[in-house]
Protein backbone atom coordinates (compact mmCIF):
# COMPACT_ATOMS: atom_id res chain seq x y z
CA MET A 1 -170.79 -65.23 -198.42
CA ARG A 2 -172.33 -66.77 -201.78
CA ASN A 3 -172.94 -63.92 -204.35
CA THR A 4 -176.38 -64.20 -205.21
CA PRO A 5 -178.28 -61.53 -207.31
CA PRO A 6 -180.48 -58.74 -206.03
CA PRO A 7 -184.09 -59.95 -206.05
CA SER A 8 -185.78 -58.63 -209.31
CA PRO A 9 -188.08 -55.37 -208.74
CA PRO A 10 -191.61 -56.36 -208.49
CA ALA A 11 -193.77 -55.89 -212.06
CA THR A 12 -195.89 -53.00 -212.22
CA ASN A 13 -198.50 -51.56 -213.30
CA PRO A 14 -197.55 -49.16 -216.34
CA ARG A 15 -200.21 -46.86 -215.32
CA LEU A 16 -198.69 -46.40 -211.97
CA ARG A 17 -195.45 -44.25 -213.65
CA TRP A 18 -197.60 -41.15 -214.07
CA LEU A 19 -198.51 -41.42 -210.43
CA PRO A 20 -195.37 -39.93 -208.72
CA TYR A 21 -195.03 -36.92 -211.22
CA LEU A 22 -198.30 -36.14 -210.13
CA PHE A 23 -197.64 -35.52 -207.16
CA GLY A 24 -194.67 -33.72 -208.25
CA ALA A 25 -196.65 -31.23 -210.07
CA GLY A 26 -198.69 -30.48 -206.68
CA ALA A 27 -195.44 -29.44 -205.23
CA VAL A 28 -194.54 -27.07 -207.70
CA PHE A 29 -198.13 -25.64 -207.95
CA TRP A 30 -197.81 -25.00 -204.09
CA LEU A 31 -194.21 -23.85 -204.79
CA ILE A 32 -195.44 -21.24 -206.83
CA GLU A 33 -198.19 -20.03 -204.85
CA MET A 34 -195.78 -19.58 -201.80
CA THR A 35 -194.20 -17.63 -203.99
CA GLN A 36 -196.74 -15.22 -205.20
CA PHE A 37 -197.68 -15.11 -201.73
CA ALA A 38 -194.27 -14.09 -200.82
CA ALA A 39 -194.37 -11.13 -203.19
CA TRP A 40 -197.62 -10.06 -202.04
CA LEU A 41 -195.78 -9.63 -198.95
CA ALA A 42 -193.33 -8.22 -200.13
CA ALA A 43 -194.96 -5.45 -202.13
CA PRO A 44 -196.16 -2.17 -199.71
CA VAL A 45 -199.15 -1.45 -202.23
CA ALA A 46 -200.58 -5.45 -200.94
CA ARG A 47 -199.74 -4.55 -197.56
CA GLU A 48 -201.66 -1.54 -197.93
CA GLN A 49 -204.49 -2.79 -199.01
CA PHE A 50 -204.19 -5.50 -195.89
CA GLN A 51 -204.21 -2.81 -193.64
CA GLN A 52 -207.55 -1.02 -195.30
CA THR A 53 -209.38 -4.26 -195.52
CA LEU A 54 -208.48 -4.71 -191.64
CA ILE A 55 -209.79 -1.39 -191.19
CA LYS A 56 -212.98 -2.01 -192.86
CA GLY A 57 -213.39 -5.08 -191.03
CA GLY A 58 -213.11 -3.25 -187.53
CA ILE A 59 -209.46 -4.06 -186.98
CA THR A 60 -207.96 -0.26 -186.55
CA HIS A 61 -204.54 -1.49 -184.04
CA ASP A 62 -201.56 -3.71 -184.13
CA PHE A 63 -201.28 -4.19 -187.78
CA VAL A 64 -198.13 -5.23 -187.81
CA THR A 65 -198.75 -8.35 -185.54
CA ILE A 66 -201.59 -9.54 -187.52
CA LEU A 67 -199.15 -9.28 -190.81
CA VAL A 68 -196.73 -11.55 -189.37
CA VAL A 69 -199.25 -13.77 -188.03
CA TYR A 70 -201.11 -13.68 -191.01
CA ALA A 71 -198.07 -14.31 -193.02
CA ALA A 72 -196.25 -17.39 -190.76
CA PHE A 73 -199.91 -19.16 -191.27
CA PHE A 74 -200.29 -18.91 -194.90
CA LEU A 75 -196.10 -19.65 -194.90
CA LEU A 76 -196.32 -22.63 -192.76
CA ILE A 77 -199.48 -23.95 -194.67
CA PHE A 78 -197.73 -23.68 -198.29
CA ALA A 79 -194.35 -25.41 -196.52
CA THR A 80 -196.41 -28.18 -195.12
CA LEU A 81 -198.62 -28.47 -198.59
CA VAL A 82 -195.17 -28.66 -200.66
CA ALA A 83 -193.80 -31.15 -197.86
CA ALA A 84 -196.61 -33.75 -198.31
CA HIS A 85 -196.26 -33.24 -202.36
CA ALA A 86 -192.52 -33.89 -202.28
CA THR A 87 -192.89 -37.02 -199.56
CA ALA A 88 -195.67 -38.86 -202.03
CA TYR A 89 -193.44 -38.10 -205.27
CA TYR A 90 -189.91 -39.56 -203.58
CA GLY A 91 -191.78 -41.96 -201.90
CA LEU A 92 -193.95 -43.21 -205.04
CA ARG A 93 -190.88 -43.19 -207.46
CA ARG A 94 -188.73 -45.43 -205.17
CA MET A 95 -192.44 -47.59 -205.02
CA ARG A 96 -192.29 -47.18 -201.29
CA ALA A 97 -195.20 -47.98 -198.71
CA TRP A 98 -194.58 -44.91 -196.94
CA GLY A 99 -194.71 -42.72 -200.31
CA TRP A 100 -197.90 -44.65 -200.91
CA ILE A 101 -199.30 -43.49 -197.51
CA ALA A 102 -198.37 -39.90 -198.61
CA ALA A 103 -199.87 -40.27 -201.55
CA VAL A 104 -203.21 -41.52 -199.85
CA VAL A 105 -202.92 -38.51 -197.36
CA VAL A 106 -202.39 -35.94 -200.04
CA ALA A 107 -205.11 -37.45 -202.66
CA GLY A 108 -207.36 -37.30 -199.15
CA GLY A 109 -206.99 -33.69 -198.53
CA TRP A 110 -207.60 -32.84 -202.35
CA SER A 111 -210.50 -34.85 -202.19
CA LEU A 112 -212.23 -32.06 -199.90
CA ILE A 113 -212.43 -29.90 -203.09
CA ILE A 114 -213.20 -33.11 -205.22
CA VAL A 115 -210.30 -33.13 -207.70
CA GLY A 116 -208.89 -35.87 -205.45
CA ILE A 117 -211.70 -38.05 -205.48
CA PRO A 118 -210.61 -40.30 -208.38
CA LEU A 119 -206.71 -40.25 -207.29
CA LEU A 120 -208.03 -41.35 -204.15
CA VAL A 121 -210.06 -44.17 -205.96
CA PHE A 122 -207.35 -45.22 -207.87
CA LEU A 123 -204.54 -45.50 -204.92
CA LEU A 124 -207.39 -47.44 -202.86
CA ARG A 125 -207.65 -50.28 -205.53
CA ARG A 126 -206.09 -53.20 -204.48
CA PRO A 127 -203.20 -53.68 -207.58
CA THR A 128 -202.04 -50.15 -206.90
CA ARG A 129 -201.74 -51.17 -202.91
CA GLN A 130 -199.81 -54.47 -203.76
CA ALA A 131 -197.27 -52.67 -205.89
CA TYR A 132 -196.02 -50.57 -203.34
CA GLY A 133 -195.66 -53.31 -200.70
CA ILE A 134 -199.52 -52.48 -198.94
CA SER A 135 -201.78 -55.67 -198.63
């Protein structure tokens, strides 16, 4: 085998350097939200308020089951959001195509509340796609 130097990395746009950190910040945001929700679940006063809200809504039985289903649902949603943002972060830092795909999925989700539209447009531009190996 010949000793050949590894191929040089493709020239990247300097504006792409901030992109992974934006998704990393999103992962931290959802971790904080999940922690706040867990603290709410652990507080007896919050559970009592939740029970009173259910009673006002007409649900008068099986409070524990409803609380467990509610908690499991939202903790699963939060964990999924953290995982999606973390996948985009690590993939974009390594300049991988799967990182770009994860970032587009996450930005598409954020675009449902308008915040992600500029990021989605930036990700879908040809130079950004090419930097991550998507043609």
